[in-house]
């Protein structure tokens, strides 16, 4: 056996031992990550598609990556406002109810 294959064998043994000892935790973490990704739903996919399309359009026209990133972030903000407007209005109402009212001079 060469030194490289011996090193690879120890990595494989270490991974197998780690899976035997911590397999349920590792699979639980992977499952929670996949669950969070799937929980985003259609709204998240649409927001991502809008951002990707805005980024691609700016890069295709000849803009820099920095400008394209800014446009994509702006597109996500606008799309999020369009999607989350009930929560924004609710937050504004709660703010108006609990804010410290200005005193007349």
PDB file of N, CA and C in Angstrom:
ATOM      1  N   UNK A   1       0.845  -1.191   0.000  1.00  0.00           N
ATOM      2  CA  UNK A   1       0.000   0.000   0.000  1.00  0.00           C
ATOM      3  C   UNK A   1       0.881   1.242   0.000  1.00  0.00           C
ATOM      4  N   UNK A   2       0.448   2.195  -0.787  1.00  0.00           N
ATOM      5  CA  UNK A   2       1.187   3.439  -0.801  1.00  0.00           C
ATOM      6  C   UNK A   2       0.697   4.340   0.316  1.00  0.00           C
ATOM      7  N   UNK A   3       1.432   5.393   0.538  1.00  0.00           N
ATOM      8  CA  UNK A   3       1.079   6.314   1.613  1.00  0.00           C
ATOM      9  C   UNK A   3      -0.251   7.008   1.342  1.00  0.00           C
ATOM     10  N   UNK A   4      -0.538   7.343   0.082  1.00  0.00           N
ATOM     11  CA  UNK A   4      -1.770   8.033  -0.283  1.00  0.00           C
ATOM     12  C   UNK A   4      -2.990   7.139  -0.075  1.00  0.00           C
ATOM     13  N   UNK A   5      -2.906   5.869  -0.472  1.00  0.00           N
ATOM     14  CA  UNK A   5      -4.044   4.972  -0.299  1.00  0.00           C
ATOM     15  C   UNK A   5      -4.252   4.638   1.178  1.00  0.00           C
ATOM     16  N   UNK A   6      -3.167   4.590   1.967  1.00  0.00           N
ATOM     17  CA  UNK A   6      -3.288   4.360   3.399  1.00  0.00           C
ATOM     18  C   UNK A   6      -3.989   5.538   4.066  1.00  0.00           C
ATOM     19  N   UNK A   7      -3.666   6.743   3.628  1.00  0.00           N
ATOM     20  CA  UNK A   7      -4.321   7.949   4.154  1.00  0.00           C
ATOM     21  C   UNK A   7      -5.803   7.948   3.799  1.00  0.00           C
ATOM     22  N   UNK A   8      -6.134   7.553   2.572  1.00  0.00           N
ATOM     23  CA  UNK A   8      -7.524   7.486   2.144  1.00  0.00           C
ATOM     24  C   UNK A   8      -8.287   6.451   2.956  1.00  0.00           C
ATOM     25  N   UNK A   9      -7.643   5.331   3.254  1.00  0.00           N
ATOM     26  CA  UNK A   9      -8.291   4.294   4.041  1.00  0.00           C
ATOM     27  C   UNK A   9      -8.648   4.809   5.435  1.00  0.00           C
ATOM     28  N   UNK A  10      -7.772   5.580   6.046  1.00  0.00           N
ATOM     29  CA  UNK A  10      -8.068   6.129   7.379  1.00  0.00           C
ATOM     30  C   UNK A  10      -9.224   7.120   7.326  1.00  0.00           C
ATOM     31  N   UNK A  11      -9.321   7.889   6.228  1.00  0.00           N
ATOM     32  CA  UNK A  11     -10.471   8.789   6.077  1.00  0.00           C
ATOM     33  C   UNK A  11     -11.772   8.004   5.976  1.00  0.00           C
ATOM     34  N   UNK A  12     -11.765   6.919   5.213  1.00  0.00           N
ATOM     35  CA  UNK A  12     -12.958   6.082   5.073  1.00  0.00           C
ATOM     36  C   UNK A  12     -13.328   5.458   6.411  1.00  0.00           C
ATOM     37  N   UNK A  13     -12.340   4.966   7.156  1.00  0.00           N
ATOM     38  CA  UNK A  13     -12.602   4.384   8.471  1.00  0.00           C
ATOM     39  C   UNK A  13     -13.164   5.446   9.407  1.00  0.00           C
ATOM     40  N   UNK A  14     -12.618   6.637   9.363  1.00  0.00           N
ATOM     41  CA  UNK A  14     -13.117   7.725  10.212  1.00  0.00           C
ATOM     42  C   UNK A  14     -14.547   8.110   9.879  1.00  0.00           C
ATOM     43  N   UNK A  15     -14.887   8.149   8.599  1.00  0.00           N
ATOM     44  CA  UNK A  15     -16.253   8.489   8.190  1.00  0.00           C
ATOM     45  C   UNK A  15     -17.225   7.397   8.612  1.00  0.00           C
ATOM     46  N   UNK A  16     -16.844   6.141   8.464  1.00  0.00           N
ATOM     47  CA  UNK A  16     -17.717   5.040   8.878  1.00  0.00           C
ATOM     48  C   UNK A  16     -17.945   5.073  10.382  1.00  0.00           C
ATOM     49  N   UNK A  17     -16.897   5.319  11.161  1.00  0.00           N
ATOM     50  CA  UNK A  17     -17.039   5.408  12.615  1.00  0.00           C
ATOM     51  C   UNK A  17     -17.921   6.591  12.987  1.00  0.00           C
ATOM     52  N   UNK A  18     -17.741   7.727  12.317  1.00  0.00           N
ATOM     53  CA  UNK A  18     -18.575   8.901  12.596  1.00  0.00           C
ATOM     54  C   UNK A  18     -20.038   8.615  12.267  1.00  0.00           C
ATOM     55  N   UNK A  19     -20.294   7.918  11.170  1.00  0.00           N
ATOM     56  CA  UNK A  19     -21.674   7.570  10.828  1.00  0.00           C
ATOM     57  C   UNK A  19     -22.276   6.604  11.839  1.00  0.00           C
ATOM     58  N   UNK A  20     -21.470   5.669  12.336  1.00  0.00           N
ATOM     59  CA  UNK A  20     -21.975   4.737  13.341  1.00  0.00           C
ATOM     60  C   UNK A  20     -22.301   5.452  14.654  1.00  0.00           C
ATOM     61  N   UNK A  21     -21.463   6.401  15.044  1.00  0.00           N
ATOM     62  CA  UNK A  21     -21.663   7.091  16.322  1.00  0.00           C
ATOM     63  C   UNK A  21     -22.688   8.221  16.220  1.00  0.00           C
ATOM     64  N   UNK A  22     -22.639   8.982  15.135  1.00  0.00           N
ATOM     65  CA  UNK A  22     -23.461  10.196  15.022  1.00  0.00           C
ATOM     66  C   UNK A  22     -24.382  10.172  13.816  1.00  0.00           C
ATOM     67  N   UNK A  23     -24.704   8.993  13.299  1.00  0.00           N
ATOM     68  CA  UNK A  23     -25.497   8.894  12.077  1.00  0.00           C
ATOM     69  C   UNK A  23     -26.869   9.521  12.190  1.00  0.00           C
ATOM     70  N   UNK A  24     -27.559   9.280  13.313  1.00  0.00           N
ATOM     71  CA  UNK A  24     -28.910   9.830  13.451  1.00  0.00           C
ATOM     72  C   UNK A  24     -28.889  11.346  13.523  1.00  0.00           C
ATOM     73  N   UNK A  25     -27.878  11.904  14.161  1.00  0.00           N
ATOM     74  CA  UNK A  25     -27.784  13.363  14.245  1.00  0.00           C
ATOM     75  C   UNK A  25     -27.443  13.960  12.884  1.00  0.00           C
ATOM     76  N   UNK A  26     -26.531  13.320  12.178  1.00  0.00           N
ATOM     77  CA  UNK A  26     -26.143  13.819  10.855  1.00  0.00           C
ATOM     78  C   UNK A  26     -27.338  13.793   9.907  1.00  0.00           C
ATOM     79  N   UNK A  27     -28.093  12.680   9.914  1.00  0.00           N
ATOM     80  CA  UNK A  27     -29.260  12.598   9.040  1.00  0.00           C
ATOM     81  C   UNK A  27     -30.367  13.544   9.475  1.00  0.00           C
ATOM     82  N   UNK A  28     -30.484  13.813  10.772  1.00  0.00           N
ATOM     83  CA  UNK A  28     -31.480  14.770  11.251  1.00  0.00           C
ATOM     84  C   UNK A  28     -31.140  16.177  10.788  1.00  0.00           C
ATOM     85  N   UNK A  29     -29.863  16.534  10.820  1.00  0.00           N
ATOM     86  CA  UNK A  29     -29.450  17.862  10.359  1.00  0.00           C
ATOM     87  C   UNK A  29     -29.692  17.998   8.861  1.00  0.00           C
ATOM     88  N   UNK A  30     -29.342  16.976   8.094  1.00  0.00           N
ATOM     89  CA  UNK A  30     -29.578  17.016   6.647  1.00  0.00           C
ATOM     90  C   UNK A  30     -31.068  17.122   6.353  1.00  0.00           C
ATOM     91  N   UNK A  31     -31.887  16.365   7.101  1.00  0.00           N
ATOM     92  CA  UNK A  31     -33.329  16.423   6.913  1.00  0.00           C
ATOM     93  C   UNK A  31     -33.917  17.784   7.257  1.00  0.00           C
ATOM     94  N   UNK A  32     -33.418  18.405   8.320  1.00  0.00           N
ATOM     95  CA  UNK A  32     -33.939  19.729   8.677  1.00  0.00           C
ATOM     96  C   UNK A  32     -33.552  20.780   7.649  1.00  0.00           C
ATOM     97  N   UNK A  33     -32.365  20.660   7.084  1.00  0.00           N
ATOM     98  CA  UNK A  33     -31.953  21.602   6.037  1.00  0.00           C
ATOM     99  C   UNK A  33     -32.824  21.423   4.797  1.00  0.00           C
ATOM    100  N   UNK A  34     -33.041  20.171   4.393  1.00  0.00           N
ATOM    101  CA  UNK A  34     -33.900  19.927   3.233  1.00  0.00           C
ATOM    102  C   UNK A  34     -35.335  20.357   3.499  1.00  0.00           C
ATOM    103  N   UNK A  35     -35.819  20.153   4.727  1.00  0.00           N
ATOM    104  CA  UNK A  35     -37.164  20.584   5.081  1.00  0.00           C
ATOM    105  C   UNK A  35     -37.317  22.088   5.020  1.00  0.00           C
ATOM    106  N   UNK A  36     -36.297  22.811   5.474  1.00  0.00           N
ATOM    107  CA  UNK A  36     -36.354  24.272   5.417  1.00  0.00           C
ATOM    108  C   UNK A  36     -36.354  24.753   3.975  1.00  0.00           C
ATOM    109  N   UNK A  37     -35.578  24.094   3.137  1.00  0.00           N
ATOM    110  CA  UNK A  37     -35.548  24.484   1.723  1.00  0.00           C
ATOM    111  C   UNK A  37     -36.903  24.224   1.075  1.00  0.00           C
ATOM    112  N   UNK A  38     -37.509  23.082   1.370  1.00  0.00           N
ATOM    113  CA  UNK A  38     -38.803  22.760   0.784  1.00  0.00           C
ATOM    114  C   UNK A  38     -39.927  23.601   1.380  1.00  0.00           C
ATOM    115  N   UNK A  39     -39.752  24.094   2.598  1.00  0.00           N
ATOM    116  CA  UNK A  39     -40.791  24.895   3.243  1.00  0.00           C
ATOM    117  C   UNK A  39     -40.885  26.302   2.662  1.00  0.00           C
ATOM    118  N   UNK A  40     -39.882  26.711   1.935  1.00  0.00           N
ATOM    119  CA  UNK A  40     -39.923  28.043   1.327  1.00  0.00           C
ATOM    120  C   UNK A  40     -41.132  28.144   0.406  1.00  0.00           C
ATOM    121  N   UNK A  41     -41.398  27.096  -0.332  1.00  0.00           N
ATOM    122  CA  UNK A  41     -42.603  27.030  -1.143  1.00  0.00           C
ATOM    123  C   UNK A  41     -42.507  27.791  -2.448  1.00  0.00           C
ATOM    124  N   UNK A  42     -43.666  27.963  -3.035  1.00  0.00           N
ATOM    125  CA  UNK A  42     -43.773  28.587  -4.355  1.00  0.00           C
ATOM    126  C   UNK A  42     -43.337  30.046  -4.307  1.00  0.00           C
ATOM    127  N   UNK A  43     -43.666  30.751  -3.216  1.00  0.00           N
ATOM    128  CA  UNK A  43     -43.297  32.160  -3.127  1.00  0.00           C
ATOM    129  C   UNK A  43     -41.791  32.344  -3.188  1.00  0.00           C
ATOM    130  N   UNK A  44     -41.069  31.515  -2.461  1.00  0.00           N
ATOM    131  CA  UNK A  44     -39.609  31.604  -2.493  1.00  0.00           C
ATOM    132  C   UNK A  44     -39.037  31.272  -3.849  1.00  0.00           C
ATOM    133  N   UNK A  45     -39.623  30.301  -4.506  1.00  0.00           N
ATOM    134  CA  UNK A  45     -39.147  29.936  -5.841  1.00  0.00           C
ATOM    135  C   UNK A  45     -39.393  31.075  -6.825  1.00  0.00           C
ATOM    136  N   UNK A  46     -40.559  31.706  -6.732  1.00  0.00           N
ATOM    137  CA  UNK A  46     -40.871  32.831  -7.617  1.00  0.00           C
ATOM    138  C   UNK A  46     -39.933  34.004  -7.337  1.00  0.00           C
ATOM    139  N   UNK A  47     -39.696  34.304  -6.046  1.00  0.00           N
ATOM    140  CA  UNK A  47     -38.767  35.396  -5.715  1.00  0.00           C
ATOM    141  C   UNK A  47     -37.375  35.103  -6.249  1.00  0.00           C
ATOM    142  N   UNK A  48     -36.924  33.863  -6.111  1.00  0.00           N
ATOM    143  CA  UNK A  48     -35.611  33.491  -6.626  1.00  0.00           C
ATOM    144  C   UNK A  48     -35.566  33.608  -8.146  1.00  0.00           C
ATOM    145  N   UNK A  49     -36.639  33.209  -8.814  1.00  0.00           N
ATOM    146  CA  UNK A  49     -36.679  33.298 -10.277  1.00  0.00           C
ATOM    147  C   UNK A  49     -36.652  34.752 -10.741  1.00  0.00           C
ATOM    148  N   UNK A  50     -37.356  35.627 -10.025  1.00  0.00           N
ATOM    149  CA  UNK A  50     -37.349  37.046 -10.388  1.00  0.00           C
ATOM    150  C   UNK A  50     -35.955  37.631 -10.217  1.00  0.00           C
ATOM    151  N   UNK A  51     -35.300  37.294  -9.095  1.00  0.00           N
ATOM    152  CA  UNK A  51     -33.941  37.802  -8.862  1.00  0.00           C
ATOM    153  C   UNK A  51     -32.974  37.266  -9.908  1.00  0.00           C
ATOM    154  N   UNK A  52     -33.082  35.988 -10.233  1.00  0.00           N
ATOM    155  CA  UNK A  52     -32.190  35.399 -11.238  1.00  0.00           C
ATOM    156  C   UNK A  52     -32.427  36.019 -12.609  1.00  0.00           C
ATOM    157  N   UNK A  53     -33.683  36.264 -12.943  1.00  0.00           N
ATOM    158  CA  UNK A  53     -33.985  36.881 -14.237  1.00  0.00           C
ATOM    159  C   UNK A  53     -33.460  38.312 -14.304  1.00  0.00           C
ATOM    160  N   UNK A  54     -33.614  39.072 -13.229  1.00  0.00           N
ATOM    161  CA  UNK A  54     -33.099  40.440 -13.209  1.00  0.00           C
ATOM    162  C   UNK A  54     -31.579  40.438 -13.319  1.00  0.00           C
ATOM    163  N   UNK A  55     -30.920  39.540 -12.598  1.00  0.00           N
ATOM    164  CA  UNK A  55     -29.461  39.438 -12.659  1.00  0.00           C
ATOM    165  C   UNK A  55     -29.011  39.083 -14.076  1.00  0.00           C
ATOM    166  N   UNK A  56     -29.661  38.077 -14.663  1.00  0.00           N
ATOM    167  CA  UNK A  56     -29.279  37.648 -16.012  1.00  0.00           C
ATOM    168  C   UNK A  56     -29.517  38.741 -17.035  1.00  0.00           C
ATOM    169  N   UNK A  57     -30.611  39.485 -16.899  1.00  0.00           N
ATOM    170  CA  UNK A  57     -30.915  40.556 -17.850  1.00  0.00           C
ATOM    171  C   UNK A  57     -29.856  41.646 -17.811  1.00  0.00           C
ATOM    172  N   UNK A  58     -29.452  42.052 -16.605  1.00  0.00           N
ATOM    173  CA  UNK A  58     -28.447  43.118 -16.504  1.00  0.00           C
ATOM    174  C   UNK A  58     -27.104  42.639 -17.026  1.00  0.00           C
ATOM    175  N   UNK A  59     -26.716  41.407 -16.708  1.00  0.00           N
ATOM    176  CA  UNK A  59     -25.441  40.890 -17.207  1.00  0.00           C
ATOM    177  C   UNK A  59     -25.493  40.720 -18.722  1.00  0.00           C
ATOM    178  N   UNK A  60     -26.640  40.302 -19.236  1.00  0.00           N
ATOM    179  CA  UNK A  60     -26.789  40.106 -20.676  1.00  0.00           C
ATOM    180  C   UNK A  60     -26.695  41.430 -21.431  1.00  0.00           C
ATOM    181  N   UNK A  61     -27.248  42.487 -20.858  1.00  0.00           N
ATOM    182  CA  UNK A  61     -27.213  43.794 -21.507  1.00  0.00           C
ATOM    183  C   UNK A  61     -25.801  44.373 -21.496  1.00  0.00           C
ATOM    184  N   UNK A  62     -25.000  43.966 -20.519  1.00  0.00           N
ATOM    185  CA  UNK A  62     -23.622  44.435 -20.488  1.00  0.00           C
ATOM    186  C   UNK A  62     -23.256  45.121 -19.191  1.00  0.00           C
ATOM    187  N   UNK A  63     -24.083  44.992 -18.183  1.00  0.00           N
ATOM    188  CA  UNK A  63     -23.768  45.594 -16.900  1.00  0.00           C
ATOM    189  C   UNK A  63     -22.770  44.760 -16.124  1.00  0.00           C
ATOM    190  N   UNK A  64     -22.198  45.359 -15.100  1.00  0.00           N
ATOM    191  CA  UNK A  64     -21.236  44.632 -14.286  1.00  0.00           C
ATOM    192  C   UNK A  64     -21.975  43.712 -13.316  1.00  0.00           C
ATOM    193  N   UNK A  65     -21.210  42.843 -12.677  1.00  0.00           N
ATOM    194  CA  UNK A  65     -21.796  41.913 -11.714  1.00  0.00           C
ATOM    195  C   UNK A  65     -22.315  42.674 -10.499  1.00  0.00           C
ATOM    196  N   UNK A  66     -21.636  43.744 -10.108  1.00  0.00           N
ATOM    197  CA  UNK A  66     -22.080  44.539  -8.961  1.00  0.00           C
ATOM    198  C   UNK A  66     -23.425  45.204  -9.247  1.00  0.00           C
ATOM    199  N   UNK A  67     -23.569  45.777 -10.423  1.00  0.00           N
ATOM    200  CA  UNK A  67     -24.838  46.404 -10.793  1.00  0.00           C
ATOM    201  C   UNK A  67     -25.929  45.345 -10.897  1.00  0.00           C
ATOM    202  N   UNK A  68     -25.597  44.195 -11.483  1.00  0.00           N
ATOM    203  CA  UNK A  68     -26.568  43.116 -11.617  1.00  0.00           C
ATOM    204  C   UNK A  68     -27.017  42.609 -10.252  1.00  0.00           C
ATOM    205  N   UNK A  69     -26.096  42.517  -9.296  1.00  0.00           N
ATOM    206  CA  UNK A  69     -26.457  42.098  -7.943  1.00  0.00           C
ATOM    207  C   UNK A  69     -27.372  43.124  -7.295  1.00  0.00           C
ATOM    208  N   UNK A  70     -27.077  44.396  -7.477  1.00  0.00           N
ATOM    209  CA  UNK A  70     -27.943  45.449  -6.934  1.00  0.00           C
ATOM    210  C   UNK A  70     -29.338  45.394  -7.523  1.00  0.00           C
ATOM    211  N   UNK A  71     -29.431  45.174  -8.816  1.00  0.00           N
ATOM    212  CA  UNK A  71     -30.738  45.083  -9.467  1.00  0.00           C
ATOM    213  C   UNK A  71     -31.486  43.851  -8.968  1.00  0.00           C
ATOM    214  N   UNK A  72     -30.792  42.741  -8.788  1.00  0.00           N
ATOM    215  CA  UNK A  72     -31.433  41.527  -8.286  1.00  0.00           C
ATOM    216  C   UNK A  72     -31.936  41.725  -6.865  1.00  0.00           C
ATOM    217  N   UNK A  73     -31.158  42.386  -6.018  1.00  0.00           N
ATOM    218  CA  UNK A  73     -31.602  42.664  -4.646  1.00  0.00           C
ATOM    219  C   UNK A  73     -32.816  43.584  -4.660  1.00  0.00           C
ATOM    220  N   UNK A  74     -32.790  44.600  -5.514  1.00  0.00           N
ATOM    221  CA  UNK A  74     -33.930  45.504  -5.640  1.00  0.00           C
ATOM    222  C   UNK A  74     -35.171  44.747  -6.118  1.00  0.00           C
ATOM    223  N   UNK A  75     -34.990  43.826  -7.068  1.00  0.00           N
ATOM    224  CA  UNK A  75     -36.118  43.033  -7.567  1.00  0.00           C
ATOM    225  C   UNK A  75     -36.694  42.149  -6.467  1.00  0.00           C
ATOM    226  N   UNK A  76     -35.833  41.584  -5.628  1.00  0.00           N
ATOM    227  CA  UNK A  76     -36.321  40.761  -4.518  1.00  0.00           C
ATOM    228  C   UNK A  76     -37.086  41.617  -3.514  1.00  0.00           C
ATOM    229  N   UNK A  77     -36.590  42.817  -3.236  1.00  0.00           N
ATOM    230  CA  UNK A  77     -37.279  43.709  -2.297  1.00  0.00           C
ATOM    231  C   UNK A  77     -38.660  44.080  -2.837  1.00  0.00           C
ATOM    232  N   UNK A  78     -38.726  44.452  -4.100  1.00  0.00           N
ATOM    233  CA  UNK A  78     -40.014  44.819  -4.698  1.00  0.00           C
ATOM    234  C   UNK A  78     -40.966  43.624  -4.716  1.00  0.00           C
ATOM    235  N   UNK A  79     -40.464  42.442  -5.077  1.00  0.00           N
ATOM    236  CA  UNK A  79     -41.311  41.249  -5.103  1.00  0.00           C
ATOM    237  C   UNK A  79     -41.752  40.868  -3.690  1.00  0.00           C
ATOM    238  N   UNK A  80     -40.880  41.032  -2.703  1.00  0.00           N
ATOM    239  CA  UNK A  80     -41.245  40.720  -1.319  1.00  0.00           C
ATOM    240  C   UNK A  80     -42.306  41.681  -0.810  1.00  0.00           C
ATOM    241  N   UNK A  81     -42.200  42.946  -1.185  1.00  0.00           N
ATOM    242  CA  UNK A  81     -43.231  43.909  -0.788  1.00  0.00           C
ATOM    243  C   UNK A  81     -44.562  43.520  -1.423  1.00  0.00           C
ATOM    244  N   UNK A  82     -44.527  43.115  -2.671  1.00  0.00           N
ATOM    245  CA  UNK A  82     -45.758  42.698  -3.336  1.00  0.00           C
ATOM    246  C   UNK A  82     -46.360  41.451  -2.724  1.00  0.00           C
ATOM    247  N   UNK A  83     -45.526  40.574  -2.197  1.00  0.00           N
ATOM    248  CA  UNK A  83     -46.009  39.329  -1.607  1.00  0.00           C
ATOM    249  C   UNK A  83     -46.401  39.503  -0.142  1.00  0.00           C
ATOM    250  N   UNK A  84     -45.642  40.297   0.581  1.00  0.00           N
ATOM    251  CA  UNK A  84     -45.819  40.394   2.033  1.00  0.00           C
ATOM    252  C   UNK A  84     -46.542  41.662   2.470  1.00  0.00           C
ATOM    253  N   UNK A  85     -47.314  42.302   1.575  1.00  0.00           N
ATOM    254  CA  UNK A  85     -47.929  43.578   1.938  1.00  0.00           C
ATOM    255  C   UNK A  85     -48.905  43.469   3.103  1.00  0.00           C
ATOM    256  N   UNK A  86     -49.623  42.362   3.319  1.00  0.00           N
ATOM    257  CA  UNK A  86     -50.494  42.333   4.508  1.00  0.00           C
ATOM    258  C   UNK A  86     -49.715  42.438   5.812  1.00  0.00           C
ATOM    259  N   UNK A  87     -48.548  41.785   5.860  1.00  0.00           N
ATOM    260  CA  UNK A  87     -47.723  41.853   7.064  1.00  0.00           C
ATOM    261  C   UNK A  87     -47.121  43.242   7.255  1.00  0.00           C
ATOM    262  N   UNK A  88     -46.780  43.895   6.150  1.00  0.00           N
ATOM    263  CA  UNK A  88     -46.241  45.248   6.235  1.00  0.00           C
ATOM    264  C   UNK A  88     -47.303  46.204   6.769  1.00  0.00           C
ATOM    265  N   UNK A  89     -48.535  46.077   6.274  1.00  0.00           N
ATOM    266  CA  UNK A  89     -49.626  46.932   6.767  1.00  0.00           C
ATOM    267  C   UNK A  89     -49.905  46.639   8.237  1.00  0.00           C
ATOM    268  N   UNK A  90     -49.901  45.364   8.621  1.00  0.00           N
ATOM    269  CA  UNK A  90     -50.117  45.008  10.017  1.00  0.00           C
ATOM    270  C   UNK A  90     -49.023  45.583  10.907  1.00  0.00           C
ATOM    271  N   UNK A  91     -47.794  45.508  10.462  1.00  0.00           N
ATOM    272  CA  UNK A  91     -46.690  46.104  11.219  1.00  0.00           C
ATOM    273  C   UNK A  91     -46.823  47.614  11.343  1.00  0.00           C
ATOM    274  N   UNK A  92     -47.276  48.283  10.285  1.00  0.00           N
ATOM    275  CA  UNK A  92     -47.487  49.727  10.330  1.00  0.00           C
ATOM    276  C   UNK A  92     -48.599  50.088  11.314  1.00  0.00           C
ATOM    277  N   UNK A  93     -49.671  49.301  11.326  1.00  0.00           N
ATOM    278  CA  UNK A  93     -50.765  49.561  12.267  1.00  0.00           C
ATOM    279  C   UNK A  93     -50.292  49.375  13.708  1.00  0.00           C
ATOM    280  N   UNK A  94     -49.543  48.303  13.960  1.00  0.00           N
ATOM    281  CA  UNK A  94     -49.020  48.079  15.316  1.00  0.00           C
ATOM    282  C   UNK A  94     -48.075  49.203  15.707  1.00  0.00           C
ATOM    283  N   UNK A  95     -47.235  49.660  14.787  1.00  0.00           N
ATOM    284  CA  UNK A  95     -46.334  50.771  15.082  1.00  0.00           C
ATOM    285  C   UNK A  95     -47.120  52.031  15.436  1.00  0.00           C
ATOM    286  N   UNK A  96     -48.156  52.330  14.667  1.00  0.00           N
ATOM    287  CA  UNK A  96     -48.951  53.525  14.952  1.00  0.00           C
ATOM    288  C   UNK A  96     -49.666  53.426  16.298  1.00  0.00           C
ATOM    289  N   UNK A  97     -49.993  52.228  16.726  1.00  0.00           N
ATOM    290  CA  UNK A  97     -50.683  52.058  18.005  1.00  0.00           C
ATOM    291  C   UNK A  97     -49.741  52.179  19.202  1.00  0.00           C
ATOM    292  N   UNK A  98     -48.502  51.732  19.064  1.00  0.00           N
ATOM    293  CA  UNK A  98     -47.609  51.693  20.228  1.00  0.00           C
ATOM    294  C   UNK A  98     -46.546  52.793  20.222  1.00  0.00           C
ATOM    295  N   UNK A  99     -46.507  53.619  19.205  1.00  0.00           N
ATOM    296  CA  UNK A  99     -45.464  54.643  19.150  1.00  0.00           C
ATOM    297  C   UNK A  99     -45.709  55.726  20.185  1.00  0.00           C
ATOM    298  N   UNK A 100     -44.679  56.435  20.493  1.00  0.00           N
ATOM    299  CA  UNK A 100     -44.771  57.542  21.419  1.00  0.00           C
ATOM    300  C   UNK A 100     -45.264  58.762  20.626  1.00  0.00           C
ATOM    301  N   UNK A 101     -46.429  59.250  20.952  1.00  0.00           N
ATOM    302  CA  UNK A 101     -47.031  60.329  20.168  1.00  0.00           C
ATOM    303  C   UNK A 101     -46.281  61.639  20.414  1.00  0.00           C
ATOM    304  N   UNK A 102     -46.086  62.396  19.359  1.00  0.00           N
ATOM    305  CA  UNK A 102     -45.392  63.683  19.550  1.00  0.00           C
ATOM    306  C   UNK A 102     -46.285  64.661  20.330  1.00  0.00           C
ATOM    307  N   UNK A 103     -45.636  65.458  21.148  1.00  0.00           N
ATOM    308  CA  UNK A 103     -46.362  66.466  21.951  1.00  0.00           C
ATOM    309  C   UNK A 103     -46.468  67.766  21.166  1.00  0.00           C
ATOM    310  N   UNK A 104     -47.632  68.363  21.212  1.00  0.00           N
ATOM    311  CA  UNK A 104     -47.816  69.665  20.550  1.00  0.00           C
ATOM    312  C   UNK A 104     -47.051  70.734  21.319  1.00  0.00           C
ATOM    313  N   UNK A 105     -46.482  71.675  20.589  1.00  0.00           N
ATOM    314  CA  UNK A 105     -45.687  72.730  21.235  1.00  0.00           C
ATOM    315  C   UNK A 105     -46.572  73.883  21.617  1.00  0.00           C
TER     316      UNK A 105
END
